[in-house]
Amino acid sequence: MELQCTKCKYQFSSERIPQMCPFCGGDRTVRTIPSAMDILSETEQHETEMKEMEQKKEEWKTRVKN
């Protein structure tokens, strides 16, 4: 998996997330870098949630009018 240190921005590959950045030694600063597919999936999920919220909003508007 692709990883990056949030402190120094060093990027590297590893099979597991280390406790310390191998470049700057930052403690617990290493995070996974999301893939393009991860970002697309998150965007699609967000769009679905927004559509559901709009539908609920319209339902409430209809209920309030009646």
PDB file of N, CA and C in Angstrom:
ATOM      1  N   MET A   1       0.840  -1.174   0.000  1.00  0.00           N
ATOM      2  CA  MET A   1       0.000   0.000   0.000  1.00  0.00           C
ATOM      3  C   MET A   1       0.884   1.235   0.000  1.00  0.00           C
ATOM      4  N   GLU A   2       0.328   2.317  -0.516  1.00  0.00           N
ATOM      5  CA  GLU A   2       1.053   3.578  -0.572  1.00  0.00           C
ATOM      6  C   GLU A   2       0.806   4.362   0.709  1.00  0.00           C
ATOM      7  N   LEU A   3       1.879   4.881   1.287  1.00  0.00           N
ATOM      8  CA  LEU A   3       1.795   5.582   2.561  1.00  0.00           C
ATOM      9  C   LEU A   3       2.452   6.959   2.458  1.00  0.00           C
ATOM     10  N   GLN A   4       2.061   7.848   3.389  1.00  0.00           N
ATOM     11  CA  GLN A   4       2.661   9.177   3.439  1.00  0.00           C
ATOM     12  C   GLN A   4       2.697   9.652   4.888  1.00  0.00           C
ATOM     13  N   CYS A   5       3.777  10.322   5.241  1.00  0.00           N
ATOM     14  CA  CYS A   5       3.910  10.912   6.561  1.00  0.00           C
ATOM     15  C   CYS A   5       3.174  12.250   6.557  1.00  0.00           C
ATOM     16  N   THR A   6       2.336  12.479   7.550  1.00  0.00           N
ATOM     17  CA  THR A   6       1.594  13.741   7.632  1.00  0.00           C
ATOM     18  C   THR A   6       2.479  14.888   8.114  1.00  0.00           C
ATOM     19  N   LYS A   7       3.631  14.555   8.672  1.00  0.00           N
ATOM     20  CA  LYS A   7       4.544  15.575   9.189  1.00  0.00           C
ATOM     21  C   LYS A   7       5.488  16.093   8.103  1.00  0.00           C
ATOM     22  N   CYS A   8       6.210  15.185   7.439  1.00  0.00           N
ATOM     23  CA  CYS A   8       7.212  15.600   6.447  1.00  0.00           C
ATOM     24  C   CYS A   8       6.783  15.356   5.005  1.00  0.00           C
ATOM     25  N   LYS A   9       5.627  14.688   4.807  1.00  0.00           N
ATOM     26  CA  LYS A   9       5.065  14.379   3.487  1.00  0.00           C
ATOM     27  C   LYS A   9       5.856  13.322   2.714  1.00  0.00           C
ATOM     28  N   TYR A  10       6.764  12.615   3.362  1.00  0.00           N
ATOM     29  CA  TYR A  10       7.515  11.537   2.722  1.00  0.00           C
ATOM     30  C   TYR A  10       6.549  10.439   2.290  1.00  0.00           C
ATOM     31  N   GLN A  11       6.675   9.972   1.040  1.00  0.00           N
ATOM     32  CA  GLN A  11       5.815   8.918   0.509  1.00  0.00           C
ATOM     33  C   GLN A  11       6.637   7.659   0.266  1.00  0.00           C
ATOM     34  N   PHE A  12       6.031   6.514   0.589  1.00  0.00           N
ATOM     35  CA  PHE A  12       6.711   5.239   0.411  1.00  0.00           C
ATOM     36  C   PHE A  12       5.694   4.111   0.369  1.00  0.00           C
ATOM     37  N   SER A  13       6.150   2.931  -0.017  1.00  0.00           N
ATOM     38  CA  SER A  13       5.302   1.743  -0.064  1.00  0.00           C
ATOM     39  C   SER A  13       5.688   0.800   1.064  1.00  0.00           C
ATOM     40  N   SER A  14       4.672   0.136   1.616  1.00  0.00           N
ATOM     41  CA  SER A  14       4.909  -0.841   2.670  1.00  0.00           C
ATOM     42  C   SER A  14       3.697  -1.752   2.758  1.00  0.00           C
ATOM     43  N   GLU A  15       3.902  -2.948   3.294  1.00  0.00           N
ATOM     44  CA  GLU A  15       2.793  -3.879   3.469  1.00  0.00           C
ATOM     45  C   GLU A  15       2.022  -3.607   4.751  1.00  0.00           C
ATOM     46  N   ARG A  16       2.617  -2.830   5.666  1.00  0.00           N
ATOM     47  CA  ARG A  16       1.930  -2.456   6.893  1.00  0.00           C
ATOM     48  C   ARG A  16       2.281  -1.006   7.236  1.00  0.00           C
ATOM     49  N   ILE A  17       1.466  -0.401   8.090  1.00  0.00           N
ATOM     50  CA  ILE A  17       1.697   0.988   8.485  1.00  0.00           C
ATOM     51  C   ILE A  17       2.654   0.998   9.681  1.00  0.00           C
ATOM     52  N   PRO A  18       3.833   1.605   9.520  1.00  0.00           N
ATOM     53  CA  PRO A  18       4.777   1.639  10.637  1.00  0.00           C
ATOM     54  C   PRO A  18       4.364   2.656  11.700  1.00  0.00           C
ATOM     55  N   GLN A  19       4.853   2.458  12.918  1.00  0.00           N
ATOM     56  CA  GLN A  19       4.570   3.393  14.014  1.00  0.00           C
ATOM     57  C   GLN A  19       5.274   4.729  13.810  1.00  0.00           C
ATOM     58  N   MET A  20       6.448   4.680  13.152  1.00  0.00           N
ATOM     59  CA  MET A  20       7.234   5.896  12.945  1.00  0.00           C
ATOM     60  C   MET A  20       7.553   6.084  11.469  1.00  0.00           C
ATOM     61  N   CYS A  21       7.634   7.330  11.036  1.00  0.00           N
ATOM     62  CA  CYS A  21       8.034   7.634   9.660  1.00  0.00           C
ATOM     63  C   CYS A  21       9.498   7.224   9.487  1.00  0.00           C
ATOM     64  N   PRO A  22       9.810   6.469   8.427  1.00  0.00           N
ATOM     65  CA  PRO A  22      11.192   6.044   8.221  1.00  0.00           C
ATOM     66  C   PRO A  22      12.120   7.192   7.809  1.00  0.00           C
ATOM     67  N   PHE A  23      11.560   8.339   7.414  1.00  0.00           N
ATOM     68  CA  PHE A  23      12.385   9.471   6.984  1.00  0.00           C
ATOM     69  C   PHE A  23      12.649  10.449   8.122  1.00  0.00           C
ATOM     70  N   CYS A  24      11.557  10.946   8.754  1.00  0.00           N
ATOM     71  CA  CYS A  24      11.730  11.983   9.789  1.00  0.00           C
ATOM     72  C   CYS A  24      11.593  11.453  11.208  1.00  0.00           C
ATOM     73  N   GLY A  25      11.120  10.215  11.365  1.00  0.00           N
ATOM     74  CA  GLY A  25      10.969   9.638  12.693  1.00  0.00           C
ATOM     75  C   GLY A  25       9.707  10.086  13.419  1.00  0.00           C
ATOM     76  N   GLY A  26       8.808  10.776  12.695  1.00  0.00           N
ATOM     77  CA  GLY A  26       7.561  11.228  13.308  1.00  0.00           C
ATOM     78  C   GLY A  26       6.776  10.056  13.882  1.00  0.00           C
ATOM     79  N   ASP A  27       6.316  10.199  15.127  1.00  0.00           N
ATOM     80  CA  ASP A  27       5.594   9.128  15.805  1.00  0.00           C
ATOM     81  C   ASP A  27       4.118   9.143  15.428  1.00  0.00           C
ATOM     82  N   ARG A  28       3.640   8.028  14.875  1.00  0.00           N
ATOM     83  CA  ARG A  28       2.236   7.849  14.475  1.00  0.00           C
ATOM     84  C   ARG A  28       1.758   8.903  13.467  1.00  0.00           C
ATOM     85  N   THR A  29       2.622   9.256  12.524  1.00  0.00           N
ATOM     86  CA  THR A  29       2.280  10.269  11.518  1.00  0.00           C
ATOM     87  C   THR A  29       2.051   9.677  10.142  1.00  0.00           C
ATOM     88  N   VAL A  30       2.202   8.356   9.993  1.00  0.00           N
ATOM     89  CA  VAL A  30       2.083   7.709   8.688  1.00  0.00           C
ATOM     90  C   VAL A  30       0.637   7.298   8.429  1.00  0.00           C
ATOM     91  N   ARG A  31       0.130   7.675   7.266  1.00  0.00           N
ATOM     92  CA  ARG A  31      -1.247   7.374   6.866  1.00  0.00           C
ATOM     93  C   ARG A  31      -1.242   6.792   5.451  1.00  0.00           C
ATOM     94  N   THR A  32      -2.298   6.067   5.112  1.00  0.00           N
ATOM     95  CA  THR A  32      -2.422   5.538   3.750  1.00  0.00           C
ATOM     96  C   THR A  32      -2.805   6.667   2.797  1.00  0.00           C
ATOM     97  N   ILE A  33      -2.334   6.567   1.583  1.00  0.00           N
ATOM     98  CA  ILE A  33      -2.712   7.498   0.527  1.00  0.00           C
ATOM     99  C   ILE A  33      -3.872   6.851  -0.211  1.00  0.00           C
ATOM    100  N   PRO A  34      -5.024   7.502  -0.270  1.00  0.00           N
ATOM    101  CA  PRO A  34      -6.163   6.884  -0.946  1.00  0.00           C
ATOM    102  C   PRO A  34      -5.901   6.749  -2.451  1.00  0.00           C
ATOM    103  N   SER A  35      -6.352   5.643  -3.010  1.00  0.00           N
ATOM    104  CA  SER A  35      -6.224   5.426  -4.450  1.00  0.00           C
ATOM    105  C   SER A  35      -7.303   6.223  -5.175  1.00  0.00           C
ATOM    106  N   ALA A  36      -7.176   6.328  -6.478  1.00  0.00           N
ATOM    107  CA  ALA A  36      -8.191   7.018  -7.279  1.00  0.00           C
ATOM    108  C   ALA A  36      -9.544   6.335  -7.116  1.00  0.00           C
ATOM    109  N   MET A  37      -9.557   5.009  -7.034  1.00  0.00           N
ATOM    110  CA  MET A  37     -10.807   4.270  -6.850  1.00  0.00           C
ATOM    111  C   MET A  37     -11.434   4.586  -5.492  1.00  0.00           C
ATOM    112  N   ASP A  38     -10.596   4.730  -4.465  1.00  0.00           N
ATOM    113  CA  ASP A  38     -11.104   5.091  -3.136  1.00  0.00           C
ATOM    114  C   ASP A  38     -11.784   6.461  -3.185  1.00  0.00           C
ATOM    115  N   ILE A  39     -11.149   7.407  -3.856  1.00  0.00           N
ATOM    116  CA  ILE A  39     -11.695   8.764  -3.956  1.00  0.00           C
ATOM    117  C   ILE A  39     -12.990   8.768  -4.745  1.00  0.00           C
ATOM    118  N   LEU A  40     -13.036   8.034  -5.855  1.00  0.00           N
ATOM    119  CA  LEU A  40     -14.260   7.955  -6.654  1.00  0.00           C
ATOM    120  C   LEU A  40     -15.395   7.313  -5.862  1.00  0.00           C
ATOM    121  N   SER A  41     -15.086   6.256  -5.136  1.00  0.00           N
ATOM    122  CA  SER A  41     -16.097   5.583  -4.339  1.00  0.00           C
ATOM    123  C   SER A  41     -16.643   6.515  -3.257  1.00  0.00           C
ATOM    124  N   GLU A  42     -15.760   7.262  -2.616  1.00  0.00           N
ATOM    125  CA  GLU A  42     -16.185   8.209  -1.580  1.00  0.00           C
ATOM    126  C   GLU A  42     -17.053   9.314  -2.181  1.00  0.00           C
ATOM    127  N   THR A  43     -16.700   9.778  -3.375  1.00  0.00           N
ATOM    128  CA  THR A  43     -17.479  10.812  -4.056  1.00  0.00           C
ATOM    129  C   THR A  43     -18.866  10.296  -4.408  1.00  0.00           C
ATOM    130  N   GLU A  44     -18.938   9.077  -4.932  1.00  0.00           N
ATOM    131  CA  GLU A  44     -20.232   8.483  -5.275  1.00  0.00           C
ATOM    132  C   GLU A  44     -21.097   8.316  -4.036  1.00  0.00           C
ATOM    133  N   GLN A  45     -20.480   7.903  -2.935  1.00  0.00           N
ATOM    134  CA  GLN A  45     -21.226   7.745  -1.684  1.00  0.00           C
ATOM    135  C   GLN A  45     -21.756   9.096  -1.211  1.00  0.00           C
ATOM    136  N   HIS A  46     -20.932  10.123  -1.321  1.00  0.00           N
ATOM    137  CA  HIS A  46     -21.346  11.470  -0.914  1.00  0.00           C
ATOM    138  C   HIS A  46     -22.513  11.956  -1.778  1.00  0.00           C
ATOM    139  N   GLU A  47     -22.440  11.725  -3.082  1.00  0.00           N
ATOM    140  CA  GLU A  47     -23.517  12.136  -3.984  1.00  0.00           C
ATOM    141  C   GLU A  47     -24.822  11.419  -3.633  1.00  0.00           C
ATOM    142  N   THR A  48     -24.738  10.138  -3.329  1.00  0.00           N
ATOM    143  CA  THR A  48     -25.922   9.373  -2.939  1.00  0.00           C
ATOM    144  C   THR A  48     -26.532   9.936  -1.663  1.00  0.00           C
ATOM    145  N   GLU A  49     -25.684  10.241  -0.684  1.00  0.00           N
ATOM    146  CA  GLU A  49     -26.165  10.823   0.570  1.00  0.00           C
ATOM    147  C   GLU A  49     -26.835  12.177   0.337  1.00  0.00           C
ATOM    148  N   MET A  50     -26.262  12.986  -0.545  1.00  0.00           N
ATOM    149  CA  MET A  50     -26.839  14.302  -0.845  1.00  0.00           C
ATOM    150  C   MET A  50     -28.209  14.151  -1.510  1.00  0.00           C
ATOM    151  N   LYS A  51     -28.338  13.199  -2.425  1.00  0.00           N
ATOM    152  CA  LYS A  51     -29.625  12.959  -3.074  1.00  0.00           C
ATOM    153  C   LYS A  51     -30.671  12.515  -2.058  1.00  0.00           C
ATOM    154  N   GLU A  52     -30.276  11.633  -1.138  1.00  0.00           N
ATOM    155  CA  GLU A  52     -31.197  11.178  -0.097  1.00  0.00           C
ATOM    156  C   GLU A  52     -31.627  12.340   0.791  1.00  0.00           C
ATOM    157  N   MET A  53     -30.707  13.227   1.116  1.00  0.00           N
ATOM    158  CA  MET A  53     -31.044  14.387   1.939  1.00  0.00           C
ATOM    159  C   MET A  53     -32.015  15.313   1.215  1.00  0.00           C
ATOM    160  N   GLU A  54     -31.811  15.503  -0.078  1.00  0.00           N
ATOM    161  CA  GLU A  54     -32.715  16.340  -0.864  1.00  0.00           C
ATOM    162  C   GLU A  54     -34.118  15.735  -0.914  1.00  0.00           C
ATOM    163  N   GLN A  55     -34.194  14.414  -1.057  1.00  0.00           N
ATOM    164  CA  GLN A  55     -35.494  13.740  -1.061  1.00  0.00           C
ATOM    165  C   GLN A  55     -36.201  13.918   0.280  1.00  0.00           C
ATOM    166  N   LYS A  56     -35.473  13.761   1.366  1.00  0.00           N
ATOM    167  CA  LYS A  56     -36.053  13.939   2.694  1.00  0.00           C
ATOM    168  C   LYS A  56     -36.517  15.384   2.886  1.00  0.00           C
ATOM    169  N   LYS A  57     -35.744  16.313   2.377  1.00  0.00           N
ATOM    170  CA  LYS A  57     -36.097  17.726   2.465  1.00  0.00           C
ATOM    171  C   LYS A  57     -37.417  17.993   1.739  1.00  0.00           C
ATOM    172  N   GLU A  58     -37.548  17.422   0.556  1.00  0.00           N
ATOM    173  CA  GLU A  58     -38.785  17.588  -0.215  1.00  0.00           C
ATOM    174  C   GLU A  58     -39.969  16.934   0.498  1.00  0.00           C
ATOM    175  N   GLU A  59     -39.743  15.763   1.101  1.00  0.00           N
ATOM    176  CA  GLU A  59     -40.802  15.084   1.848  1.00  0.00           C
ATOM    177  C   GLU A  59     -41.270  15.947   3.022  1.00  0.00           C
ATOM    178  N   TRP A  60     -40.341  16.559   3.717  1.00  0.00           N
ATOM    179  CA  TRP A  60     -40.707  17.416   4.850  1.00  0.00           C
ATOM    180  C   TRP A  60     -41.464  18.650   4.387  1.00  0.00           C
ATOM    181  N   LYS A  61     -41.060  19.218   3.241  1.00  0.00           N
ATOM    182  CA  LYS A  61     -41.768  20.371   2.704  1.00  0.00           C
ATOM    183  C   LYS A  61     -43.218  19.994   2.394  1.00  0.00           C
ATOM    184  N   THR A  62     -43.406  18.798   1.825  1.00  0.00           N
ATOM    185  CA  THR A  62     -44.754  18.326   1.511  1.00  0.00           C
ATOM    186  C   THR A  62     -45.565  18.121   2.783  1.00  0.00           C
ATOM    187  N   ARG A  63     -44.965  17.558   3.812  1.00  0.00           N
ATOM    188  CA  ARG A  63     -45.662  17.320   5.084  1.00  0.00           C
ATOM    189  C   ARG A  63     -46.047  18.631   5.759  1.00  0.00           C
ATOM    190  N   VAL A  64     -45.172  19.611   5.698  1.00  0.00           N
ATOM    191  CA  VAL A  64     -45.445  20.904   6.344  1.00  0.00           C
ATOM    192  C   VAL A  64     -46.587  21.629   5.637  1.00  0.00           C
ATOM    193  N   LYS A  65     -46.666  21.514   4.319  1.00  0.00           N
ATOM    194  CA  LYS A  65     -47.735  22.177   3.559  1.00  0.00           C
ATOM    195  C   LYS A  65     -49.089  21.579   3.886  1.00  0.00           C
ATOM    196  N   ASN A  66     -49.134  20.285   4.169  1.00  0.00           N
ATOM    197  CA  ASN A  66     -50.395  19.590   4.443  1.00  0.00           C
ATOM    198  C   ASN A  66     -50.719  19.715   5.863  1.00  0.00           C
TER     199      ASN A  66
END
